[in-house]
Protein backbone atom coordinates (compact mmCIF):
# COMPACT_ATOMS: atom_id res chain seq x y z
CA MET A 1 11.48 20.32 -16.05
CA HIS A 2 9.63 20.36 -12.91
CA ASP A 3 6.34 19.20 -11.64
CA HIS A 4 5.05 20.27 -8.17
CA ALA A 5 1.78 18.23 -8.18
CA HIS A 6 1.42 16.16 -5.01
CA SER A 7 -1.52 14.10 -5.54
CA HIS A 8 0.07 11.14 -3.92
CA SER A 9 1.26 13.15 -0.85
CA PRO A 10 -0.52 13.13 2.61
CA VAL A 11 -3.08 15.82 3.17
CA PRO A 12 -1.55 18.48 5.41
CA GLY A 13 -4.54 19.27 7.47
CA GLN A 14 -5.48 15.80 8.30
CA LEU A 15 -2.17 14.56 9.25
CA ASN A 16 -1.44 17.55 11.52
CA ARG A 17 -4.69 16.58 13.44
CA ALA A 18 -3.67 13.19 13.36
CA PHE A 19 -0.27 14.00 14.97
CA LEU A 20 -1.89 16.26 17.59
CA ILE A 21 -4.61 13.53 18.53
CA GLY A 22 -1.88 10.78 18.67
CA ILE A 23 0.26 12.95 20.87
CA GLY A 24 -2.68 14.02 23.04
CA LEU A 25 -3.81 10.41 23.64
CA ASN A 26 -0.44 8.92 24.34
CA LEU A 27 0.47 11.73 26.67
CA LEU A 28 -2.51 11.07 28.71
CA PHE A 29 -2.00 7.27 28.76
CA VAL A 30 1.58 7.77 29.82
CA THR A 31 0.46 9.92 32.75
CA VAL A 32 -2.15 7.13 33.74
CA GLU A 33 0.22 4.29 33.25
CA ALA A 34 3.18 5.98 35.26
CA ALA A 35 0.56 6.70 38.09
CA ALA A 36 -0.59 3.12 38.11
CA GLY A 37 2.96 1.93 38.10
CA ILE A 38 4.07 4.00 41.01
CA ALA A 39 0.78 2.98 42.92
CA THR A 40 1.28 -0.85 42.47
CA GLY A 41 5.02 -0.79 42.40
CA SER A 42 5.16 -2.34 38.96
CA LEU A 43 8.32 -1.97 37.12
CA ALA A 44 6.65 -3.33 34.21
CA LEU A 45 4.21 -0.43 33.94
CA LEU A 46 6.86 2.07 34.69
CA SER A 47 9.19 0.84 31.87
CA ASP A 48 6.38 0.74 29.59
CA ALA A 49 5.43 4.17 30.37
CA SER A 50 8.95 5.46 29.67
CA HIS A 51 8.74 3.58 26.32
CA ASN A 52 5.51 5.16 25.48
CA LEU A 53 6.84 8.63 26.43
CA SER A 54 9.75 8.04 23.82
CA ASP A 55 6.99 7.33 21.31
CA VAL A 56 5.46 10.76 22.17
CA ALA A 57 8.73 12.26 21.35
CA SER A 58 8.83 10.45 18.10
CA LEU A 59 5.37 11.58 17.07
CA GLY A 60 6.49 14.99 17.99
CA LEU A 61 9.62 14.80 15.84
CA SER A 62 7.57 13.42 12.98
CA MET A 63 5.15 16.31 13.15
CA VAL A 64 8.17 18.76 13.21
CA ALA A 65 9.54 17.22 10.15
CA PHE A 66 6.17 17.23 8.33
CA ARG A 67 5.87 21.01 8.94
CA LEU A 68 9.73 21.63 8.05
CA ALA A 69 9.00 20.00 4.47
CA ARG A 70 6.37 22.58 3.75
CA ILE A 71 8.92 25.52 4.35
CA PRO A 72 9.44 27.30 1.03
CA PRO A 73 12.95 26.97 -0.56
CA SER A 74 15.35 29.87 -0.03
CA SER A 75 18.81 31.02 -1.57
CA ARG A 76 20.82 29.07 1.04
CA TYR A 77 18.49 25.90 1.06
CA THR A 78 17.23 25.73 -2.63
CA TYR A 79 15.05 22.46 -1.73
CA GLY A 80 13.83 24.04 1.54
CA TYR A 81 13.78 21.84 4.66
CA ARG A 82 12.60 18.71 2.92
CA LYS A 83 15.61 16.56 3.73
CA SER A 84 14.91 17.05 7.32
CA THR A 85 12.03 14.44 6.81
CA ILE A 86 14.55 11.75 5.92
CA LEU A 87 16.82 12.61 8.70
CA ILE A 88 14.07 12.45 11.44
CA SER A 89 12.74 9.30 9.96
CA LEU A 90 16.25 7.84 10.57
CA LEU A 91 16.29 9.24 14.07
CA ASN A 92 12.84 7.82 14.72
CA ALA A 93 14.08 4.38 13.86
CA VAL A 94 17.03 4.58 15.90
CA ILE A 95 14.78 5.75 18.85
CA LEU A 96 12.53 2.70 18.46
CA LEU A 97 15.34 0.25 18.24
CA VAL A 98 17.02 1.79 21.43
CA ALA A 99 13.73 1.57 23.19
CA VAL A 100 13.56 -2.09 22.18
CA GLY A 101 16.95 -2.69 23.31
CA ALA A 102 16.03 -1.35 26.80
CA ILE A 103 12.96 -3.67 26.89
CA GLY A 104 15.06 -6.49 26.02
CA TYR A 105 17.61 -5.93 28.85
CA GLU A 106 14.86 -5.61 31.27
CA ALA A 107 13.23 -8.80 29.98
CA VAL A 108 16.45 -10.79 30.24
CA ARG A 109 16.86 -9.52 33.89
CA ARG A 110 13.47 -10.67 34.72
CA LEU A 111 13.76 -13.94 33.18
CA GLN A 112 16.61 -14.46 35.71
CA ASN A 113 14.81 -12.96 38.55
CA PRO A 114 10.97 -12.86 38.16
CA VAL A 115 9.18 -10.11 40.09
CA PRO A 116 5.81 -10.69 41.47
CA LEU A 117 3.32 -8.57 39.93
CA GLN A 118 -0.42 -7.57 40.32
CA GLY A 119 -1.62 -9.41 37.19
CA GLY A 120 -5.13 -7.90 37.26
CA THR A 121 -4.03 -4.19 37.42
CA VAL A 122 -1.35 -4.92 34.80
CA ALA A 123 -3.80 -6.39 32.45
CA ILE A 124 -6.32 -3.61 32.85
CA VAL A 125 -3.86 -0.87 32.26
CA ALA A 126 -2.45 -2.56 29.28
CA GLY A 127 -5.81 -3.12 27.85
CA VAL A 128 -6.31 0.67 27.86
CA GLY A 129 -2.84 1.05 26.16
CA ILE A 130 -4.13 -1.34 23.41
CA ALA A 131 -7.13 0.84 22.84
CA VAL A 132 -5.13 4.21 22.93
CA ASN A 133 -2.20 2.84 20.50
CA THR A 134 -4.76 1.16 18.18
CA VAL A 135 -6.74 4.36 17.74
CA SER A 136 -3.58 6.45 17.27
CA ALA A 137 -2.22 3.89 14.75
CA LEU A 138 -5.35 3.98 12.76
CA LEU A 139 -4.93 7.66 12.21
CA PHE A 140 -1.81 7.07 10.03
CA LEU A 141 -3.03 3.84 8.51
CA LYS A 142 -4.19 5.40 5.14
CA ASP A 143 -1.09 7.53 4.65
CA LYS A 144 1.67 5.08 6.23
CA ASP A 145 3.10 3.96 2.63
CA LYS A 146 3.21 7.50 1.19
CA ASP A 147 5.86 8.83 3.77
CA LEU A 148 8.70 7.35 5.78
CA ASN A 149 7.93 9.62 8.83
CA ILE A 150 4.23 8.44 8.73
CA LYS A 151 5.27 4.91 8.49
CA GLY A 152 7.65 5.55 11.39
CA ALA A 153 4.80 6.97 13.45
CA TYR A 154 2.49 4.17 12.52
CA LEU A 155 4.99 1.41 13.39
CA HIS A 156 5.82 3.00 16.82
CA LEU A 157 2.01 3.01 17.70
CA VAL A 158 1.58 -0.66 16.46
CA ALA A 159 4.54 -1.63 18.37
CA ASP A 160 3.06 -0.18 21.43
CA ALA A 161 -0.08 -1.89 20.94
CA LEU A 162 1.69 -5.35 20.37
CA VAL A 163 3.48 -4.64 23.68
CA SER A 164 0.24 -3.73 25.49
CA LEU A 165 -1.24 -6.88 24.09
CA GLY A 166 1.48 -9.08 25.14
CA THR A 167 1.03 -7.52 28.71
CA VAL A 168 -2.43 -8.13 28.92
CA VAL A 169 -1.92 -11.81 28.21
CA ALA A 170 0.95 -12.11 30.63
CA GLY A 171 -1.04 -10.20 33.24
CA LEU A 172 -3.91 -12.47 32.99
CA LEU A 173 -1.80 -15.72 33.00
CA MET A 174 0.03 -14.24 35.97
CA LEU A 175 -3.06 -13.54 37.87
CA TYR A 176 -4.29 -17.17 37.78
CA THR A 177 -0.87 -19.14 37.46
CA HIS A 178 1.64 -16.73 39.27
CA TRP A 179 4.08 -17.59 36.45
CA TYR A 180 5.85 -14.17 36.77
CA TRP A 181 8.52 -15.03 34.27
CA LEU A 182 5.60 -14.75 31.51
CA ASP A 183 6.05 -11.15 31.63
CA ALA A 184 9.50 -11.03 30.39
CA ALA A 185 9.00 -13.98 27.98
CA VAL A 186 6.18 -12.14 26.23
CA SER A 187 8.29 -8.97 26.04
CA ILE A 188 11.09 -10.86 24.27
CA VAL A 189 8.63 -12.09 21.66
CA VAL A 190 7.21 -8.66 21.10
CA MET A 191 10.75 -7.13 20.90
CA ALA A 192 11.59 -9.56 17.91
CA VAL A 193 8.42 -8.54 16.15
CA ILE A 194 9.33 -4.85 16.72
CA VAL A 195 12.75 -5.32 15.62
CA TYR A 196 11.63 -7.10 12.32
CA SER A 197 9.23 -4.52 11.34
CA THR A 198 11.55 -1.64 12.13
CA TRP A 199 14.57 -2.84 10.44
CA GLY A 200 13.27 -1.92 6.85
CA LEU A 201 12.32 1.58 8.18
CA MET A 202 15.96 1.89 9.37
CA THR A 203 17.54 0.71 5.97
CA ASP A 204 15.36 2.80 4.00
CA SER A 205 15.95 6.08 6.11
CA LEU A 206 19.81 5.26 5.99
CA ARG A 207 19.82 4.85 2.36
CA LEU A 208 17.92 8.07 1.53
CA SER A 209 20.16 10.10 3.94
CA MET A 210 22.97 8.98 1.79
CA ASP A 211 21.45 9.95 -1.48
CA GLY A 212 20.64 6.40 -2.35
CA VAL A 213 18.00 5.45 -5.12
CA PRO A 214 14.71 5.44 -3.19
CA GLY A 215 12.80 2.07 -2.87
CA GLY A 216 10.76 1.11 -5.76
CA ILE A 217 12.82 2.77 -8.25
CA THR A 218 15.80 1.41 -10.35
CA VAL A 219 17.86 3.15 -12.78
CA GLU A 220 17.51 0.26 -15.12
CA ALA A 221 13.66 0.60 -14.93
CA VAL A 222 13.80 4.34 -15.53
CA GLN A 223 16.08 3.78 -18.64
CA GLU A 224 13.76 1.09 -19.88
CA ARG A 225 10.75 3.27 -19.68
CA ALA A 226 12.43 6.22 -21.38
CA ARG A 227 13.64 4.38 -24.27
CA GLU A 228 9.91 3.32 -24.93
CA ILE A 229 9.02 6.86 -25.60
CA PRO A 230 9.12 7.84 -29.34
CA GLY A 231 12.06 10.00 -30.19
CA VAL A 232 14.10 9.05 -27.12
CA VAL A 233 17.13 6.88 -28.20
CA ASP A 234 18.80 6.73 -24.69
CA LEU A 235 18.84 7.94 -21.32
CA HIS A 236 22.44 7.93 -19.37
CA HIS A 237 24.43 9.67 -16.63
CA ILE A 238 21.50 9.02 -14.40
CA HIS A 239 21.47 10.37 -10.83
CA ILE A 240 18.35 9.52 -8.67
CA TRP A 241 18.04 10.72 -5.01
CA ALA A 242 15.10 11.57 -2.50
CA VAL A 243 14.70 15.32 -1.72
CA SER A 244 12.21 14.25 1.00
CA THR A 245 10.37 11.01 2.11
CA THR A 246 7.78 11.60 -0.55
CA GLU A 247 9.72 13.62 -3.28
CA ASN A 248 12.45 12.34 -5.73
CA ALA A 249 14.78 14.19 -7.95
CA LEU A 250 16.58 13.28 -11.08
CA THR A 251 19.51 14.48 -13.40
CA ALA A 252 20.26 12.73 -16.43
CA HIS A 253 21.29 13.09 -20.29
CA VAL A 254 18.72 12.13 -22.62
CA THR A 255 19.79 11.41 -26.37
CA ILE A 256 16.89 12.15 -28.61
CA ALA A 257 16.42 11.13 -32.54
CA PRO A 258 17.78 13.50 -34.93
CA GLY A 259 15.50 15.63 -37.14
CA LEU A 260 12.75 16.28 -34.52
CA SER A 261 10.96 19.47 -34.96
CA GLY A 262 10.42 21.99 -32.15
CA ASP A 263 6.95 20.66 -31.51
CA GLU A 264 8.13 17.07 -31.51
CA VAL A 265 10.77 17.79 -28.92
CA THR A 266 8.24 19.37 -26.78
CA ARG A 267 6.31 16.34 -26.96
CA VAL A 268 9.43 14.18 -25.98
CA LYS A 269 9.96 16.58 -23.04
CA HIS A 270 6.18 16.18 -22.04
CA ASP A 271 6.15 12.43 -22.37
CA LEU A 272 9.42 12.15 -20.44
CA LYS A 273 7.92 14.39 -17.68
CA HIS A 274 4.86 12.40 -17.46
CA MET A 275 6.80 9.12 -17.36
CA LEU A 276 9.15 10.40 -14.47
CA GLU A 277 5.93 11.36 -12.50
CA SER A 278 5.16 7.70 -12.19
CA PHE A 279 8.36 7.21 -10.11
CA SER A 280 7.58 10.18 -7.83
CA ILE A 281 10.24 12.13 -9.44
CA ILE A 282 8.83 15.70 -9.65
CA HIS A 283 12.22 17.48 -9.61
CA ALA A 284 14.09 16.37 -12.99
CA THR A 285 17.03 18.31 -14.72
CA LEU A 286 17.70 16.68 -18.23
CA GLU A 287 20.44 17.69 -20.66
CA THR A 288 19.48 16.61 -24.23
CA GLU A 289 21.74 15.74 -26.93
CA TYR A 290 20.95 14.82 -30.50
CA ASN A 291 22.07 11.37 -31.69
CA HIS A 292 25.17 11.49 -33.93
CA ALA A 293 25.24 15.42 -33.52
CA ASP A 294 27.57 17.82 -31.67
CA GLU A 295 24.85 20.24 -30.44
CA ASP A 296 23.63 19.76 -27.07
CA VAL A 297 20.53 21.62 -25.79
CA GLY A 298 19.55 21.74 -22.04
CA PHE A 299 16.03 21.84 -20.71
């Protein structure tokens, strides 16, 4: 029993355009920020430019995963390349945490040995970063809860906007107070925010890559909903896993009441199919068995 409707999936054309715009804007900003860092001798701008470059790579990976997921199944890959969306989502989470680790290392070092910075230039360049990353993040806002890769891209961009905001505040304060340690202090606060927001993406991606039950679904909930369907006695031997970041699969045995006519069995199958769609389960293999009967019928 299968349903291939994707009414809750992101729109391909819009997302492809969002990825291209996001990559283009961030590449342009990385170039400007790196040039400003070299011109002013600001290590903060150079390190932030390298961090933004990792996000450009992350956006590129997310776009690749999105396109791979649309490749039709083959005799060797019967689900196609949909699983790549989960693996790349996990990779994106790791990349972001590694980038945060690099920021943290530099922040601790700067707390111990503050470096004089041109606060005004730092604030101006970081202000441009806020605009670029906010615009890019808004491109993915609507679809961020529909796909882990889109959520990863969104979190990367929001994290960059937060880093830039912290840099603007630190730059302005340093301009007037010469408290150069503020650059590192703000970075540590922002780093904590990024880790908190990324940890969920990391654990979700890791669980799905190990064929764990996707978030928002429990075996007990599926059983309870199934038993509410007239004609269904029980649902057991249940296995639920993610085919991609937007599609789930299920195998199970369903015990149906004895004495049902062919039309009634068809109705039970239809009702089960509709119920499973509410859990984003669009690939379902159900083995039916009649209560107190030896005959098994698969559908």
